[in-house]
Amino acid sequence: MVMKKRTDPKRWAIYRIHYGTDFLKQSIDSIKHYVDKVFVLYSLKPWVVKDTVNYLGQEIPMPPLHEDVQQFLYDNYGHRQRVEYFQAEVSTPLNQFRHYYDVCVKLMKYEPDTVLFMEPDMVFYRPAVETLYRELEYRTDIPCIGTTQIELWKNEEYRVPQRDRIGPMIWKPSRDRNFKTHFGTWHPDRKYVSSTIQNYNFGFCLNAQTMFYKHLTAINFSAAIGDSIPSQEWYRDKWLNWTPLTEDLEISANYKHTIPKAVPYEMDPVVIEQMRNSAP
């Protein structure tokens, strides 16, 4: 492949999404002015496709995907040059972001200076994005940098206690040509995070239908991909019927205790206003 020469550094952002458009626009809008190109690779199928799912001791039909991600993106971004989206199917999240990066390089016929890997439930306070880029440029000894997350629980008034889970990750491919990703945006051997900023994660704040679909797909695919097995009762007992007194909120059956309970949280009013102004 002949690569086009670029005189200016190029910044890409790459999303993967199968479900969960609730915060996708707020996510894209929080980073789009800090990158040259946003790629959204959407799948119509979960990683593991099954006709049924064993839920609460019964084999029930696996519900179909109820969201039209392509239509959502068209309604909100049309054919804008900065935001490009297309279908891409894979059978595992392992190294998925690296695979999607290679797909985009082949499409564009050049490599970017940096690539920001994002999930549709991750949102930045906008000025923090540039801060993260500057931090990576300053830290020349590392190939990537990410952020720990403020994980909201059901709404902006509660969050889970701080965990060390990495959210978005910026990679600089020239510093590691053979970089790989694990199940998410990062790799266990490359867990470099910012010391100054975090992102917001709304993965526990999706609408009830999507959360149920999320739970059922996790039940079906977790064993197949080598991930932690979800608790069968999580959606019903921990999320849908949650109260501030509910304990052991982690979805993984063997790690429920890692989220003891949700705690009150006061989100910055500036971020709240940013979210509302970007709502679809």
Protein backbone atom coordinates (compact mmCIF):
# COMPACT_ATOMS: atom_id res chain seq x y z
CA MET A 1 0.00 0.00 0.00
CA VAL A 2 1.28 3.46 -0.92
CA MET A 3 0.76 5.85 1.96
CA LYS A 4 -0.10 9.47 1.28
CA LYS A 5 2.35 11.92 2.79
CA ARG A 6 0.90 14.39 5.24
CA THR A 7 2.67 17.57 6.24
CA ASP A 8 0.48 18.13 9.32
CA PRO A 9 -0.15 15.60 12.09
CA LYS A 10 -3.56 14.00 11.85
CA ARG A 11 -5.74 13.02 14.76
CA TRP A 12 -8.34 10.30 14.41
CA ALA A 13 -10.98 9.01 16.79
CA ILE A 14 -12.43 5.52 16.36
CA TYR A 15 -15.62 4.24 17.99
CA ARG A 16 -17.07 0.76 18.11
CA ILE A 17 -20.77 0.35 18.81
CA HIS A 18 -23.38 -2.39 18.66
CA TYR A 19 -25.99 -0.84 20.96
CA GLY A 20 -26.32 2.19 23.19
CA THR A 21 -27.01 5.43 21.33
CA ASP A 22 -28.24 7.24 24.46
CA PHE A 23 -25.00 9.16 24.91
CA LEU A 24 -23.33 8.64 21.54
CA LYS A 25 -23.95 12.18 20.31
CA GLN A 26 -22.75 13.73 23.57
CA SER A 27 -19.65 11.54 23.30
CA ILE A 28 -18.82 12.45 19.71
CA ASP A 29 -19.55 16.13 20.28
CA SER A 30 -17.21 16.17 23.28
CA ILE A 31 -14.19 15.20 21.13
CA LYS A 32 -14.97 16.03 17.49
CA HIS A 33 -13.41 19.50 17.52
CA TYR A 34 -10.10 18.08 18.77
CA VAL A 35 -9.67 15.50 16.02
CA ASP A 36 -9.56 15.65 12.24
CA LYS A 37 -11.70 12.58 11.66
CA VAL A 38 -14.20 10.50 13.63
CA PHE A 39 -14.87 6.93 12.50
CA VAL A 40 -17.84 5.08 13.97
CA LEU A 41 -17.78 1.37 13.17
CA TYR A 42 -21.13 -0.17 14.04
CA SER A 43 -22.13 -3.82 14.11
CA LEU A 44 -25.58 -5.30 13.58
CA LYS A 45 -24.67 -8.51 15.38
CA PRO A 46 -23.30 -9.12 18.89
CA TRP A 47 -19.92 -10.81 19.25
CA VAL A 48 -21.69 -14.14 19.82
CA VAL A 49 -24.95 -14.79 17.95
CA LYS A 50 -27.51 -17.13 19.52
CA ASP A 51 -31.24 -17.55 19.00
CA THR A 52 -31.90 -18.02 22.73
CA VAL A 53 -30.40 -17.02 26.06
CA ASN A 54 -30.53 -18.73 29.44
CA TYR A 55 -31.97 -16.08 31.73
CA LEU A 56 -33.03 -16.70 35.34
CA GLY A 57 -33.08 -20.45 34.77
CA GLN A 58 -35.17 -20.34 31.61
CA GLU A 59 -34.23 -20.52 27.94
CA ILE A 60 -35.89 -17.49 26.34
CA PRO A 61 -35.71 -16.05 22.81
CA MET A 62 -32.85 -13.63 22.37
CA PRO A 63 -34.44 -10.27 21.55
CA PRO A 64 -33.31 -8.57 18.34
CA LEU A 65 -31.29 -5.37 18.39
CA HIS A 66 -33.85 -2.59 18.82
CA GLU A 67 -31.67 0.38 17.85
CA ASP A 68 -30.76 1.58 14.36
CA VAL A 69 -27.29 3.02 14.90
CA GLN A 70 -26.81 3.88 11.24
CA GLN A 71 -30.04 5.89 11.15
CA PHE A 72 -29.11 7.62 14.41
CA LEU A 73 -25.78 8.70 12.97
CA TYR A 74 -27.37 9.87 9.73
CA ASP A 75 -30.01 11.86 11.61
CA ASN A 76 -27.39 13.61 13.73
CA TYR A 77 -24.40 13.86 11.39
CA GLY A 78 -25.66 13.22 7.87
CA HIS A 79 -22.73 12.91 5.48
CA ARG A 80 -20.43 15.32 7.25
CA GLN A 81 -16.82 14.82 6.30
CA ARG A 82 -15.54 14.87 9.87
CA VAL A 83 -17.79 12.00 11.07
CA GLU A 84 -17.73 8.83 8.96
CA TYR A 85 -19.57 5.64 9.81
CA PHE A 86 -19.88 2.18 8.34
CA GLN A 87 -20.72 -1.40 9.32
CA ALA A 88 -18.03 -3.74 10.61
CA GLU A 89 -18.66 -7.17 12.15
CA VAL A 90 -16.28 -9.09 14.43
CA SER A 91 -16.71 -12.17 16.63
CA THR A 92 -14.58 -11.02 19.59
CA PRO A 93 -13.63 -7.77 21.31
CA LEU A 94 -10.04 -8.99 21.63
CA ASN A 95 -7.80 -6.58 19.69
CA GLN A 96 -10.95 -5.15 18.08
CA PHE A 97 -9.78 -1.55 18.22
CA ARG A 98 -6.46 -2.42 16.58
CA HIS A 99 -8.35 -4.26 13.85
CA TYR A 100 -10.62 -1.26 13.32
CA TYR A 101 -7.56 1.00 13.18
CA ASP A 102 -6.10 -1.13 10.39
CA VAL A 103 -9.42 -1.00 8.54
CA CYS A 104 -9.43 2.79 8.70
CA VAL A 105 -5.78 3.05 7.60
CA LYS A 106 -6.57 0.89 4.59
CA LEU A 107 -9.59 3.07 3.81
CA MET A 108 -7.77 6.40 4.15
CA LYS A 109 -4.42 5.19 2.71
CA TYR A 110 -2.40 6.97 5.37
CA GLU A 111 -1.66 6.62 9.07
CA PRO A 112 -2.64 9.28 11.59
CA ASP A 113 -0.29 10.84 14.09
CA THR A 114 -2.61 9.74 16.90
CA VAL A 115 -5.76 7.70 17.27
CA LEU A 116 -8.25 8.11 20.12
CA PHE A 117 -10.23 4.95 20.88
CA MET A 118 -13.69 5.65 22.34
CA GLU A 119 -16.82 3.80 23.43
CA PRO A 120 -20.29 5.32 22.91
CA ASP A 121 -20.90 5.82 26.65
CA MET A 122 -17.69 7.78 27.27
CA VAL A 123 -17.87 11.58 27.43
CA PHE A 124 -15.15 14.17 28.03
CA TYR A 125 -15.40 17.59 29.52
CA ARG A 126 -14.28 19.21 26.28
CA PRO A 127 -11.21 21.20 27.43
CA ALA A 128 -9.82 18.00 28.97
CA VAL A 129 -9.34 16.42 25.54
CA GLU A 130 -6.59 18.80 24.50
CA THR A 131 -4.97 18.40 27.90
CA LEU A 132 -4.74 14.65 27.31
CA TYR A 133 -3.13 15.15 23.91
CA ARG A 134 -0.56 17.54 25.38
CA GLU A 135 0.24 15.07 28.14
CA LEU A 136 0.97 12.33 25.59
CA GLU A 137 3.22 14.66 23.59
CA TYR A 138 5.12 15.58 26.74
CA ARG A 139 5.55 11.97 27.89
CA THR A 140 7.72 10.77 25.03
CA ASP A 141 8.56 7.50 26.80
CA ILE A 142 5.07 5.98 26.40
CA PRO A 143 3.06 4.98 23.28
CA CYS A 144 -0.37 5.77 24.67
CA ILE A 145 -2.27 7.47 27.45
CA GLY A 146 -5.79 7.04 28.81
CA THR A 147 -7.99 8.21 31.62
CA THR A 148 -9.63 6.66 34.62
CA GLN A 149 -13.38 7.16 34.71
CA ILE A 150 -16.16 8.73 36.69
CA GLU A 151 -18.78 6.01 36.28
CA LEU A 152 -22.29 7.42 36.74
CA TRP A 153 -24.99 5.14 38.11
CA LYS A 154 -28.43 5.44 36.47
CA ASN A 155 -28.29 9.26 36.44
CA GLU A 156 -25.97 12.20 37.08
CA GLU A 157 -26.71 12.18 40.82
CA TYR A 158 -24.99 8.87 41.66
CA ARG A 159 -21.74 7.21 40.74
CA VAL A 160 -19.88 4.03 41.63
CA PRO A 161 -16.79 4.42 43.85
CA GLN A 162 -13.58 5.12 41.97
CA ARG A 163 -12.14 2.13 40.14
CA ASP A 164 -8.93 1.79 38.11
CA ARG A 165 -10.74 0.92 34.88
CA ILE A 166 -9.35 2.80 31.89
CA GLY A 167 -11.75 4.59 29.56
CA PRO A 168 -10.65 6.36 26.35
CA MET A 169 -7.09 5.80 25.19
CA ILE A 170 -4.98 7.86 22.79
CA TRP A 171 -2.36 5.84 20.92
CA LYS A 172 0.61 7.26 19.02
CA PRO A 173 1.32 4.48 16.47
CA SER A 174 4.78 5.76 15.57
CA ARG A 175 5.90 4.88 19.10
CA ASP A 176 4.61 1.29 18.86
CA ARG A 177 3.99 0.04 15.33
CA ASN A 178 2.73 -3.32 16.57
CA PHE A 179 0.46 -2.05 19.30
CA LYS A 180 -2.45 -4.24 20.32
CA THR A 181 -5.60 -3.72 22.34
CA HIS A 182 -7.33 -6.16 24.67
CA PHE A 183 -11.12 -6.24 25.21
CA GLY A 184 -11.27 -2.45 25.41
CA THR A 185 -9.32 0.59 24.25
CA TRP A 186 -6.13 -0.39 26.05
CA HIS A 187 -3.78 -3.33 26.58
CA PRO A 188 -2.76 -4.81 29.95
CA ASP A 189 0.90 -4.09 29.15
CA ARG A 190 0.17 -0.46 28.29
CA LYS A 191 -1.91 0.82 31.20
CA TYR A 192 -0.73 4.43 31.14
CA VAL A 193 -3.21 6.97 32.50
CA SER A 194 -3.34 10.71 32.95
CA SER A 195 -2.55 12.06 36.38
CA THR A 196 -4.76 15.11 35.89
CA ILE A 197 -8.01 14.32 34.07
CA GLN A 198 -10.79 11.75 33.90
CA ASN A 199 -13.69 11.04 31.56
CA TYR A 200 -17.34 10.42 32.36
CA ASN A 201 -18.81 6.98 31.70
CA PHE A 202 -22.59 6.60 31.28
CA GLY A 203 -22.63 2.85 30.67
CA PHE A 204 -24.89 2.27 33.68
CA CYS A 205 -27.26 5.07 32.60
CA LEU A 206 -28.74 3.64 29.40
CA ASN A 207 -32.48 3.21 28.96
CA ALA A 208 -34.10 0.11 30.45
CA GLN A 209 -34.62 -1.75 27.16
CA THR A 210 -31.01 -1.28 26.13
CA MET A 211 -29.71 -2.27 29.58
CA PHE A 212 -31.72 -5.49 29.39
CA TYR A 213 -30.35 -6.23 25.93
CA LYS A 214 -26.84 -5.41 27.20
CA HIS A 215 -27.29 -7.89 30.06
CA LEU A 216 -28.59 -10.69 27.83
CA THR A 217 -25.82 -10.29 25.25
CA ALA A 218 -23.25 -10.40 28.06
CA ILE A 219 -24.76 -13.65 29.35
CA ASN A 220 -24.45 -15.14 25.88
CA PHE A 221 -20.97 -14.01 24.95
CA SER A 222 -18.94 -13.85 28.18
CA ALA A 223 -17.88 -17.49 28.39
CA ALA A 224 -17.17 -17.68 24.67
CA ILE A 225 -14.80 -14.70 24.67
CA GLY A 226 -13.17 -15.52 28.01
CA ASP A 227 -14.74 -12.70 30.01
CA SER A 228 -16.19 -12.80 33.53
CA ILE A 229 -19.60 -14.49 33.74
CA PRO A 230 -22.44 -12.06 34.54
CA SER A 231 -24.82 -12.51 37.44
CA GLN A 232 -28.20 -13.73 36.15
CA GLU A 233 -30.04 -11.47 38.59
CA TRP A 234 -28.05 -8.30 37.94
CA TYR A 235 -30.48 -6.48 35.65
CA ARG A 236 -33.56 -7.21 37.76
CA ASP A 237 -32.14 -6.95 41.27
CA LYS A 238 -29.23 -4.55 40.99
CA TRP A 239 -30.13 -2.18 38.17
CA LEU A 240 -33.86 -2.09 37.38
CA ASN A 241 -35.03 -2.21 41.00
CA TRP A 242 -32.05 -0.36 42.42
CA THR A 243 -32.37 1.88 45.48
CA PRO A 244 -29.58 3.86 47.19
CA LEU A 245 -29.37 0.99 49.70
CA THR A 246 -28.69 -1.70 47.08
CA GLU A 247 -25.26 -3.31 47.49
CA ASP A 248 -22.83 -5.35 45.36
CA LEU A 249 -23.58 -3.72 42.02
CA GLU A 250 -20.88 -5.16 39.77
CA ILE A 251 -22.41 -7.26 36.97
CA SER A 252 -19.75 -10.03 37.12
CA ALA A 253 -21.05 -12.85 39.31
CA ASN A 254 -17.72 -13.44 41.07
CA TYR A 255 -16.89 -9.76 41.55
CA LYS A 256 -20.14 -8.25 42.79
CA HIS A 257 -18.35 -6.84 45.82
CA THR A 258 -16.08 -4.63 43.70
CA ILE A 259 -18.90 -2.06 43.49
CA PRO A 260 -20.15 -2.03 47.10
CA LYS A 261 -22.88 0.52 46.36
CA ALA A 262 -23.56 3.71 44.42
CA VAL A 263 -22.69 6.95 46.18
CA PRO A 264 -24.14 10.45 45.77
CA TYR A 265 -22.36 12.60 43.22
CA GLU A 266 -22.57 16.25 42.25
CA MET A 267 -21.65 16.75 38.62
CA ASP A 268 -20.06 20.02 37.56
CA PRO A 269 -22.85 22.31 36.25
CA VAL A 270 -20.66 23.20 33.25
CA VAL A 271 -20.53 19.54 32.24
CA ILE A 272 -24.29 19.19 32.75
CA GLU A 273 -24.86 22.13 30.42
CA GLN A 274 -22.48 20.64 27.85
CA MET A 275 -24.39 17.36 27.97
CA ARG A 276 -27.77 19.04 27.53
CA ASN A 277 -26.59 21.17 24.64
CA SER A 278 -25.35 18.04 22.82
CA ALA A 279 -28.41 15.87 23.49
CA PRO A 280 -29.92 14.35 20.31
